[in-house]
Protein backbone atom coordinates (compact mmCIF):
# COMPACT_ATOMS: atom_id res chain seq x y z
CA MET A 1 -6.24 10.84 11.16
CA GLU A 2 -4.32 14.11 11.00
CA ALA A 3 -4.07 16.15 7.85
CA PHE A 4 -0.98 17.90 6.51
CA ASN A 5 -1.81 21.36 5.18
CA PRO A 6 -5.47 20.47 4.44
CA SER A 7 -7.18 22.59 1.79
CA MET A 8 -10.93 22.94 1.43
CA THR A 9 -12.50 24.43 -1.59
CA ILE A 10 -15.89 26.16 -1.21
CA PRO A 11 -17.95 25.36 -4.36
CA PHE A 12 -20.56 28.02 -3.62
CA SER A 13 -21.25 30.80 -1.20
CA TYR A 14 -22.90 30.30 2.21
CA THR A 15 -23.06 31.79 5.66
CA PHE A 16 -19.94 31.06 7.75
CA THR A 17 -17.93 32.47 10.62
CA SER A 18 -14.17 32.74 10.78
CA THR A 19 -11.86 33.65 13.68
CA SER A 20 -8.54 35.40 13.18
CA GLY A 21 -6.36 37.27 15.66
CA GLY A 22 -8.88 37.07 18.48
CA SER A 23 -11.60 38.79 16.42
CA THR A 24 -14.67 37.09 15.03
CA THR A 25 -15.91 37.97 11.55
CA SER A 26 -19.27 36.83 10.22
CA HIS A 27 -19.74 36.57 6.40
CA THR A 28 -23.33 36.16 5.21
CA ILE A 29 -23.96 35.47 1.55
CA THR A 30 -27.43 34.50 0.53
CA SER A 31 -27.74 31.73 -1.97
CA PRO A 32 -30.86 29.74 -2.94
CA TRP A 33 -28.67 26.64 -3.26
CA MET A 34 -27.84 26.68 0.48
CA ASP A 35 -31.30 27.51 1.80
CA PRO A 36 -31.58 25.43 5.05
CA ARG A 37 -35.24 24.94 4.32
CA ILE A 38 -34.21 22.82 1.36
CA TRP A 39 -31.28 20.97 2.89
CA SER A 40 -33.07 20.13 6.12
CA LYS A 41 -35.84 18.31 4.08
CA LEU A 42 -33.39 16.06 2.20
CA PRO A 43 -34.47 12.39 2.50
CA SER A 44 -32.09 10.38 4.61
CA ARG A 45 -31.38 7.99 1.75
CA LEU A 46 -30.26 10.80 -0.50
CA LEU A 47 -28.16 12.36 2.24
CA ASP A 48 -26.49 9.06 2.95
CA ARG A 49 -25.70 8.75 -0.79
CA VAL A 50 -23.98 12.13 -0.67
CA LEU A 51 -21.92 11.04 2.32
CA THR A 52 -20.69 7.89 0.52
CA PHE A 53 -18.82 10.17 -1.92
CA LEU A 54 -16.75 11.81 0.79
CA PRO A 55 -13.06 10.93 0.96
CA PRO A 56 -12.26 9.03 4.18
CA PRO A 57 -10.86 11.97 6.17
CA ALA A 58 -13.87 14.10 5.33
CA PHE A 59 -16.24 11.23 6.20
CA PHE A 60 -14.65 10.67 9.63
CA ARG A 61 -14.81 14.40 10.36
CA ALA A 62 -18.47 14.41 9.31
CA ARG A 63 -19.30 11.74 11.89
CA CYS A 64 -18.79 14.44 14.56
CA VAL A 65 -21.82 16.35 13.34
CA CYS A 66 -24.57 14.36 15.00
CA LYS A 67 -25.34 10.96 16.53
CA ARG A 68 -26.96 9.62 13.37
CA TRP A 69 -23.92 10.42 11.24
CA TYR A 70 -21.67 8.94 13.88
CA ALA A 71 -23.63 5.67 13.77
CA LEU A 72 -23.37 5.35 9.98
CA LEU A 73 -20.20 3.25 10.31
CA PHE A 74 -22.27 0.57 12.08
CA SER A 75 -25.34 0.83 9.80
CA ASN A 76 -25.59 -2.20 7.48
CA THR A 77 -27.94 -0.17 5.19
CA PHE A 78 -25.40 2.60 4.77
CA LEU A 79 -22.46 0.21 4.38
CA GLU A 80 -24.29 -1.67 1.63
CA LEU A 81 -24.95 1.63 -0.18
CA TYR A 82 -21.27 2.63 0.42
CA ILE A 83 -20.02 -0.59 -1.20
CA GLN A 84 -22.34 -0.07 -4.25
CA VAL A 85 -21.63 3.61 -5.07
CA SER A 86 -18.54 4.90 -3.27
CA PRO A 87 -15.90 6.01 -5.78
CA ARG A 88 -12.40 4.47 -5.73
CA HIS A 89 -9.58 6.51 -4.28
CA HIS A 90 -6.10 5.69 -5.61
CA TRP A 91 -4.13 6.44 -2.51
CA PHE A 92 -0.88 5.11 -1.03
CA LEU A 93 -0.02 3.86 2.44
CA PHE A 94 3.57 4.19 3.74
CA PHE A 95 5.25 2.51 6.66
CA LYS A 96 8.71 2.92 8.16
CA HIS A 97 10.89 0.40 6.33
CA LYS A 98 12.18 -2.45 8.52
CA THR A 99 15.53 -3.58 7.19
CA LEU A 100 17.07 -7.00 7.86
CA LYS A 101 19.83 -5.33 9.91
CA SER A 102 17.37 -3.51 12.16
CA TYR A 103 15.30 -6.74 12.51
CA ILE A 104 18.34 -8.68 13.72
CA TYR A 105 19.41 -5.92 15.99
CA ARG A 106 16.01 -5.68 17.55
CA ASN A 107 15.81 -9.43 18.10
CA ASN A 108 19.19 -9.46 19.82
CA ASN A 109 18.02 -6.74 22.11
CA ASN A 110 14.78 -8.67 22.87
CA ASN A 111 16.83 -11.79 23.71
CA ASN A 112 19.04 -9.87 26.16
CA ASN A 113 16.52 -7.38 27.60
CA ASP A 114 15.87 -7.22 31.38
CA GLY A 115 12.19 -6.17 31.14
CA SER A 116 12.84 -2.46 31.05
CA SER A 117 10.46 -0.17 29.23
CA GLU A 118 13.21 0.79 26.73
CA THR A 119 12.89 -2.44 24.89
CA ARG A 120 9.16 -2.31 24.48
CA ALA A 121 7.73 -2.00 21.00
CA THR A 122 6.78 1.47 19.80
CA ALA A 123 3.36 2.26 18.53
CA PHE A 124 2.66 1.05 15.01
CA GLU A 125 1.59 3.75 12.56
CA GLY A 126 1.28 4.40 8.84
CA TYR A 127 1.13 7.42 6.64
CA LEU A 128 -1.67 7.87 4.08
CA PHE A 129 -0.89 9.88 0.98
CA ASP A 130 -3.58 11.35 -1.23
CA PRO A 131 -1.96 12.05 -4.68
CA CYS A 132 -4.86 14.15 -5.93
CA ASP A 133 -4.53 16.80 -3.16
CA VAL A 134 -0.80 15.97 -2.41
CA THR A 135 -1.76 15.59 1.27
CA TRP A 136 -0.33 13.45 4.04
CA TYR A 137 -2.35 11.87 6.90
CA ARG A 138 -1.19 9.81 9.84
CA ILE A 139 -3.10 6.72 11.00
CA SER A 140 -2.33 4.52 13.97
CA PHE A 141 -2.67 0.74 14.45
CA PRO A 142 -3.10 0.21 18.19
CA LEU A 143 -4.36 -3.44 17.90
CA ILE A 144 -1.54 -4.87 15.78
CA PRO A 145 0.65 -7.15 17.98
CA SER A 146 4.43 -6.65 17.96
CA GLY A 147 6.51 -8.70 15.64
CA PHE A 148 4.49 -8.11 12.45
CA SER A 149 5.42 -6.11 9.35
CA PRO A 150 3.29 -4.97 6.39
CA ALA A 151 3.84 -7.10 3.24
CA SER A 152 1.15 -6.48 0.68
CA SER A 153 -2.21 -4.72 0.13
CA SER A 154 -5.43 -5.14 -1.94
CA GLY A 155 -9.08 -4.15 -1.78
CA GLY A 156 -8.69 -1.81 1.24
CA LEU A 157 -6.82 -4.38 3.34
CA ILE A 158 -3.20 -4.55 4.41
CA CYS A 159 -1.58 -7.95 4.91
CA LEU A 160 0.91 -8.17 7.76
CA ILE A 161 3.27 -11.09 8.26
CA SER A 162 5.09 -12.35 11.29
CA ASP A 163 8.81 -11.52 11.51
CA GLU A 164 9.98 -14.66 13.28
CA ALA A 165 11.49 -17.44 11.13
CA GLY A 166 9.28 -20.49 10.80
CA ALA A 167 5.66 -21.05 9.81
CA LYS A 168 4.33 -17.65 8.93
CA THR A 169 1.25 -16.01 10.45
CA LEU A 170 -0.62 -13.45 8.39
CA ILE A 171 -3.10 -10.79 9.42
CA LEU A 172 -5.50 -8.90 7.24
CA CYS A 173 -6.10 -5.38 8.53
CA ASN A 174 -8.48 -2.61 7.57
CA PRO A 175 -6.52 0.43 8.59
CA LEU A 176 -9.52 2.85 8.61
CA ILE A 177 -11.72 0.97 11.04
CA GLY A 178 -9.06 -1.05 12.83
CA THR A 179 -10.38 -4.60 12.17
CA LEU A 180 -7.88 -7.41 12.25
CA THR A 181 -8.47 -10.98 10.93
CA GLN A 182 -5.81 -13.68 11.25
CA LEU A 183 -5.22 -16.37 8.64
CA PRO A 184 -4.13 -19.90 9.57
CA PRO A 185 -0.31 -20.27 9.66
CA THR A 186 1.52 -21.39 6.57
CA LEU A 187 2.69 -25.07 6.37
CA ARG A 188 6.33 -24.57 5.47
CA PRO A 189 8.93 -22.65 7.50
CA ARG A 190 10.27 -19.48 5.85
CA LEU A 191 12.35 -16.43 6.68
CA PHE A 192 11.31 -13.37 4.64
CA PRO A 193 9.04 -14.62 1.84
CA SER A 194 7.34 -12.56 -0.87
CA ILE A 195 3.62 -12.07 -0.30
CA GLY A 196 0.86 -11.69 -2.97
CA LEU A 197 -2.65 -10.59 -1.97
CA LYS A 198 -5.72 -10.40 -4.12
CA ILE A 199 -8.98 -9.22 -2.56
CA SER A 200 -12.23 -9.23 -4.57
CA PRO A 201 -15.81 -8.65 -3.28
CA SER A 202 -16.33 -12.41 -2.93
CA SER A 203 -12.88 -14.03 -2.53
CA ILE A 204 -9.47 -13.86 -0.86
CA ASP A 205 -6.29 -15.14 -2.51
CA VAL A 206 -2.88 -15.12 -0.75
CA SER A 207 0.42 -16.55 -2.10
CA VAL A 208 3.56 -16.90 0.01
CA ALA A 209 6.66 -17.55 -2.12
CA GLY A 210 10.37 -18.23 -1.53
CA ASP A 211 12.84 -18.02 1.37
CA ASP A 212 12.19 -21.65 2.32
CA LEU A 213 14.13 -22.61 5.47
CA ILE A 214 16.12 -25.70 4.47
CA SER A 215 18.05 -25.59 7.73
CA PRO A 216 18.18 -23.32 10.75
CA TYR A 217 20.95 -21.36 9.01
CA ALA A 218 20.09 -21.45 5.29
CA VAL A 219 17.23 -20.49 2.97
CA LYS A 220 16.43 -21.26 -0.60
CA ASN A 221 13.75 -20.09 -3.00
CA LEU A 222 11.96 -23.39 -3.63
CA SER A 223 8.18 -23.26 -3.30
CA THR A 224 4.91 -21.31 -3.18
CA GLU A 225 2.01 -21.84 -0.85
CA SER A 226 -1.46 -20.48 -1.70
CA PHE A 227 -4.60 -19.73 0.36
CA HIS A 228 -8.00 -19.32 -1.19
CA ILE A 229 -11.52 -18.81 0.06
CA ASP A 230 -14.61 -17.63 -1.76
CA ALA A 231 -18.31 -16.94 -1.19
CA GLY A 232 -19.18 -20.19 -3.03
CA GLY A 233 -17.95 -22.19 -0.09
CA PHE A 234 -14.69 -23.37 -1.61
CA TYR A 235 -11.47 -22.93 0.30
CA SER A 236 -7.90 -24.20 0.25
CA LEU A 237 -5.83 -23.64 3.37
CA TRP A 238 -2.31 -23.52 2.00
CA GLY A 239 -3.09 -26.88 0.28
CA THR A 240 -2.10 -25.54 -3.21
CA THR A 241 1.65 -25.56 -3.69
CA SER A 242 3.95 -25.07 -6.68
CA SER A 243 7.67 -24.98 -7.33
CA LEU A 244 9.52 -21.75 -8.16
CA PRO A 245 11.62 -21.47 -11.30
CA ARG A 246 15.21 -22.65 -10.77
CA LEU A 247 17.78 -20.22 -9.56
CA CYS A 248 15.36 -17.42 -8.90
CA SER A 249 16.14 -14.63 -6.55
CA LEU A 250 13.19 -12.76 -4.86
CA GLU A 251 14.91 -9.95 -3.03
CA SER A 252 12.18 -7.38 -3.19
CA GLY A 253 9.77 -9.26 -0.90
CA ARG A 254 6.72 -7.91 -2.70
CA MET A 255 4.30 -9.14 -5.41
CA ILE A 256 2.02 -7.05 -7.65
CA CYS A 257 -1.39 -8.42 -8.57
CA VAL A 258 -2.61 -7.57 -12.08
CA GLN A 259 -5.63 -9.36 -13.67
CA SER A 260 -5.48 -12.52 -11.43
CA LYS A 261 -1.68 -12.90 -11.79
CA PHE A 262 1.09 -12.13 -9.26
CA TYR A 263 4.28 -10.51 -10.60
CA CYS A 264 7.61 -10.05 -8.78
CA MET A 265 11.10 -9.03 -9.78
CA ASN A 266 13.81 -11.69 -10.21
CA TYR A 267 17.38 -10.58 -9.67
CA SER A 268 20.77 -11.73 -11.02
CA PRO A 269 19.99 -11.24 -13.88
CA PHE A 270 16.90 -9.11 -13.93
CA SER A 271 13.64 -10.66 -15.10
CA VAL A 272 10.00 -10.75 -14.08
CA LEU A 273 8.38 -13.80 -12.54
CA SER A 274 4.64 -14.32 -13.19
CA TYR A 275 2.42 -16.58 -11.13
CA ASP A 276 -0.98 -17.53 -12.56
CA ILE A 277 -3.38 -18.04 -9.63
CA SER A 278 -5.85 -20.18 -11.53
CA SER A 279 -3.34 -22.58 -13.14
CA ASN A 280 -0.89 -22.56 -10.17
CA THR A 281 2.08 -22.11 -12.51
CA TRP A 282 5.11 -19.80 -12.74
CA ILE A 283 6.74 -18.38 -15.88
CA ASN A 284 9.77 -16.26 -16.38
CA ILE A 285 9.43 -13.03 -18.47
CA GLN A 286 12.55 -11.36 -19.83
CA ALA A 287 12.92 -7.75 -18.79
CA PRO A 288 13.64 -5.03 -21.28
CA MET A 289 17.31 -3.87 -21.34
CA ARG A 290 17.95 -6.19 -18.41
CA ARG A 291 21.74 -5.76 -18.46
CA PHE A 292 21.55 -2.02 -17.98
CA LEU A 293 18.73 -1.64 -15.39
CA ARG A 294 19.12 -0.16 -11.93
CA SER A 295 16.59 -0.16 -9.11
CA PRO A 296 13.81 -1.90 -11.06
CA SER A 297 10.34 -1.97 -9.55
CA LEU A 298 7.04 -3.39 -10.76
CA VAL A 299 3.85 -1.35 -10.27
CA GLU A 300 0.18 -1.71 -11.25
CA SER A 301 -1.39 1.01 -13.19
CA ARG A 302 -5.08 0.87 -14.40
CA GLY A 303 -4.98 -2.95 -14.81
CA LYS A 304 -1.60 -2.99 -16.52
CA LEU A 305 1.86 -4.06 -15.28
CA VAL A 306 4.47 -1.34 -15.47
CA LEU A 307 8.21 -1.66 -14.96
CA VAL A 308 10.04 1.38 -13.62
CA ALA A 309 13.80 1.48 -13.68
CA ALA A 310 16.85 3.65 -14.32
CA VAL A 311 18.87 2.78 -17.49
CA GLU A 312 22.58 2.94 -17.13
CA LYS A 313 23.41 2.12 -20.75
CA SER A 314 26.43 4.01 -22.01
CA LYS A 315 26.87 2.41 -25.51
CA LEU A 316 25.31 3.52 -28.74
CA ASN A 317 25.02 7.05 -27.45
CA VAL A 318 21.90 6.15 -25.44
CA PRO A 319 21.61 8.67 -22.53
CA LYS A 320 21.04 7.50 -18.97
CA SER A 321 17.44 7.96 -18.02
CA LEU A 322 14.51 6.69 -15.89
CA ARG A 323 11.98 4.81 -17.99
CA LEU A 324 8.61 3.12 -17.74
CA TRP A 325 7.69 0.02 -19.75
CA GLY A 326 4.26 -1.54 -20.06
CA LEU A 327 3.72 -5.28 -20.41
CA GLN A 328 1.70 -6.04 -23.56
CA SER A 329 -1.39 -8.32 -23.64
CA CYS A 330 0.67 -11.13 -25.05
CA GLY A 331 2.34 -11.39 -21.70
CA THR A 332 5.96 -11.38 -22.87
CA ALA A 333 6.65 -8.18 -24.76
CA TRP A 334 7.32 -4.70 -23.32
CA VAL A 335 6.79 -1.28 -24.77
CA GLU A 336 8.28 1.86 -23.37
CA ILE A 337 5.44 4.21 -22.38
CA GLU A 338 7.28 7.10 -20.72
CA ARG A 339 10.71 8.60 -20.02
CA MET A 340 11.57 11.11 -17.32
CA PRO A 341 12.62 14.46 -18.83
CA GLN A 342 16.42 14.59 -19.01
CA GLN A 343 16.77 17.83 -16.97
CA LEU A 344 14.60 16.40 -14.17
CA TYR A 345 16.56 13.09 -14.37
CA LEU A 346 19.83 14.92 -13.83
CA GLN A 347 18.28 16.60 -10.73
CA PHE A 348 16.95 13.27 -9.55
CA THR A 349 20.28 11.42 -9.86
CA GLU A 350 22.08 14.22 -8.01
CA LEU A 351 19.74 13.73 -5.05
CA GLU A 352 19.75 10.01 -5.36
CA ALA A 353 23.59 9.78 -5.32
CA GLY A 354 23.54 6.10 -6.24
CA ASN A 355 21.53 5.03 -3.25
CA GLY A 356 18.71 3.62 -5.39
CA PHE A 357 15.01 4.13 -5.32
CA GLU A 358 11.70 2.34 -4.96
CA SER A 359 8.49 2.78 -6.94
CA VAL A 360 4.85 2.06 -6.10
CA GLY A 361 1.90 2.67 -8.41
CA HIS A 362 -1.84 2.93 -8.08
CA GLY A 363 -4.33 3.95 -10.71
CA GLU A 364 -2.86 6.78 -12.81
CA PHE A 365 -0.19 7.64 -10.17
CA ILE A 366 3.32 6.37 -9.58
CA VAL A 367 5.41 7.46 -6.53
CA ILE A 368 9.22 7.15 -6.81
CA MET A 369 10.94 7.26 -3.38
CA ILE A 370 14.69 7.91 -3.07
CA ARG A 371 16.24 5.53 -0.60
CA GLY A 372 17.74 7.19 2.53
CA SER A 373 16.03 10.46 1.74
CA ASP A 374 12.73 12.28 2.16
CA LYS A 375 12.65 13.14 -1.50
CA ALA A 376 10.01 11.62 -3.76
CA LEU A 377 8.53 12.22 -7.20
CA LEU A 378 4.87 11.82 -8.18
CA PHE A 379 4.07 10.98 -11.83
CA ASP A 380 0.60 11.25 -13.33
CA ILE A 381 0.46 8.91 -16.29
CA PHE A 382 -2.69 10.50 -17.73
CA MET A 383 -1.55 14.10 -17.39
CA LYS A 384 2.15 13.30 -18.20
CA ARG A 385 3.11 15.42 -15.22
CA TRP A 386 6.04 15.04 -12.83
CA GLN A 387 6.14 16.82 -9.46
CA TRP A 388 8.10 16.63 -6.22
CA ILE A 389 6.13 15.44 -3.15
CA PRO A 390 6.48 17.33 0.20
CA PRO A 391 8.15 15.18 2.91
CA CYS A 392 5.83 13.36 5.27
CA PRO A 393 5.69 15.64 8.36
CA TYR A 394 4.94 12.78 10.79
CA VAL A 395 8.24 10.91 10.31
CA HIS A 396 10.84 11.96 12.82
CA GLY A 397 13.99 13.37 11.38
CA CYS A 398 12.42 14.44 8.06
CA ASN A 399 13.26 18.11 8.82
CA GLY A 400 16.53 17.43 10.59
CA GLY A 401 18.65 19.19 7.97
CA GLY A 402 20.08 16.06 6.45
CA GLY A 403 17.45 15.76 3.86
CA GLY A 404 16.44 12.24 4.94
CA TYR A 405 14.15 10.28 7.26
CA GLY A 406 17.15 8.58 9.00
CA ALA A 407 18.21 4.96 9.10
CA ASP A 408 14.99 3.66 10.74
CA GLY A 409 12.64 6.15 9.20
CA GLU A 410 12.83 5.29 5.43
CA LEU A 411 9.37 4.83 4.05
CA HIS A 412 8.13 1.74 2.26
CA GLY A 413 4.89 2.20 0.24
CA PHE A 414 1.87 0.20 -0.89
CA ALA A 415 -0.99 0.98 -3.26
CA TYR A 416 -3.97 1.43 -0.98
CA GLU A 417 -7.68 1.96 -1.71
CA PRO A 418 -9.30 3.30 1.51
CA ARG A 419 -12.47 1.43 2.32
CA ILE A 420 -14.58 1.77 5.47
CA ALA A 421 -16.27 -1.60 4.61
CA THR A 422 -14.56 -4.85 3.59
CA PRO A 423 -17.18 -7.55 4.15
CA VAL A 424 -15.14 -10.23 2.37
CA THR A 425 -13.21 -10.86 5.62
CA ALA A 426 -16.45 -12.38 6.99
CA LEU A 427 -15.71 -15.40 4.83
CA LEU A 428 -12.93 -16.37 7.23
CA ASP A 429 -15.50 -16.73 9.98
CA GLN A 430 -16.69 -19.88 8.29
CA LEU A 431 -13.45 -21.65 9.12
CA THR A 432 -13.53 -23.62 12.43
CA LEU A 433 -9.75 -23.46 12.98
CA PRO A 434 -7.64 -22.89 16.11
CA PHE A 435 -6.52 -19.45 15.17
CA GLN A 436 -7.50 -16.15 16.58
CA SER A 437 -9.61 -13.39 15.01
CA PHE A 438 -9.13 -9.77 16.01
CA SER A 439 -11.62 -6.92 15.83
CA GLY A 440 -11.29 -3.28 16.44
């Protein structure tokens, strides 16, 4: 992974050497806290515990120190300790957005190609964003086969779904260590369904909803298929199905998991659809100010469902604004929890120019990305702080003067908790099915 403007704070003084302008300068500051006679005698168990608290980029850099540290990624003892004590990091993982237009155009090219190298798939890569340090990292996915797109994320895993129409193939990927595990294909043919993923330490739940192919040329939102497997030995391979509410429209293609329920936006008119995993039922929740919303998105924040949208209401002297609502414990009522400052909103709408925006949340952070632009806002719910995010330096065209990533470079984000160990995927090894497992 490559860092963008990495910063390192030095909590206390020690002896180090810096090189600048061809000259080498040595700085020696004595401190009893950095006495090598103390640090060299630390028990391995204690040192391993310290390493588990490193953020992923620092951990992978530390593996270059010695053979023992390099081998920690393959040590069961260390990985068990990591799972127990490693802190959660509320990061985000962005990918270049694959629009329906670009998908059709690419498929037409593939159908008419002559085998030249120009039609080969480009390398798949993602962009990690650390909201605490406001830092970008690039990460590659060399083992992901062509024809798959990211659809959901949970518990340190990214779910990728096949692009081709028909029975869908899903792959669970750990981006940090490159492992890939394939799920059995879905039973019903679909085009671009919405995907819900819930990963716990002892179970995997996946739901695939909507875009049922009722003919080679028509789709309709009719049904949901669910996959479940847990450490207790129970599994259901797409055997659990349910009907979607009538006349629903799932255009966003994503679901948000909050407390064992999947939520997704319903369009025309706006509402929120909730799917209870345990009872296998859907309900429709009315959205606040649904007649006046623009670019609504659902995000998860500290175990709560939050609706982010612009309000275009012009009656009753209510100013246009961008607002956040939280779903209450009753499951049907919304309460406004935050509103973007009006001066910032005027600046935001000028940059947005009616193109719309997308929102993604994780922990106490919410990222609001302006479509067709490299501009994005980061909101800290706890600190009540808004700030602009620097553009991702690894996306081509972000500095091209147009203020955007380009038609094929627009970023699509997911909440992502980086984990170097996701042992729950081993549950899939219990299944003796004719589908392939990948490993990095």
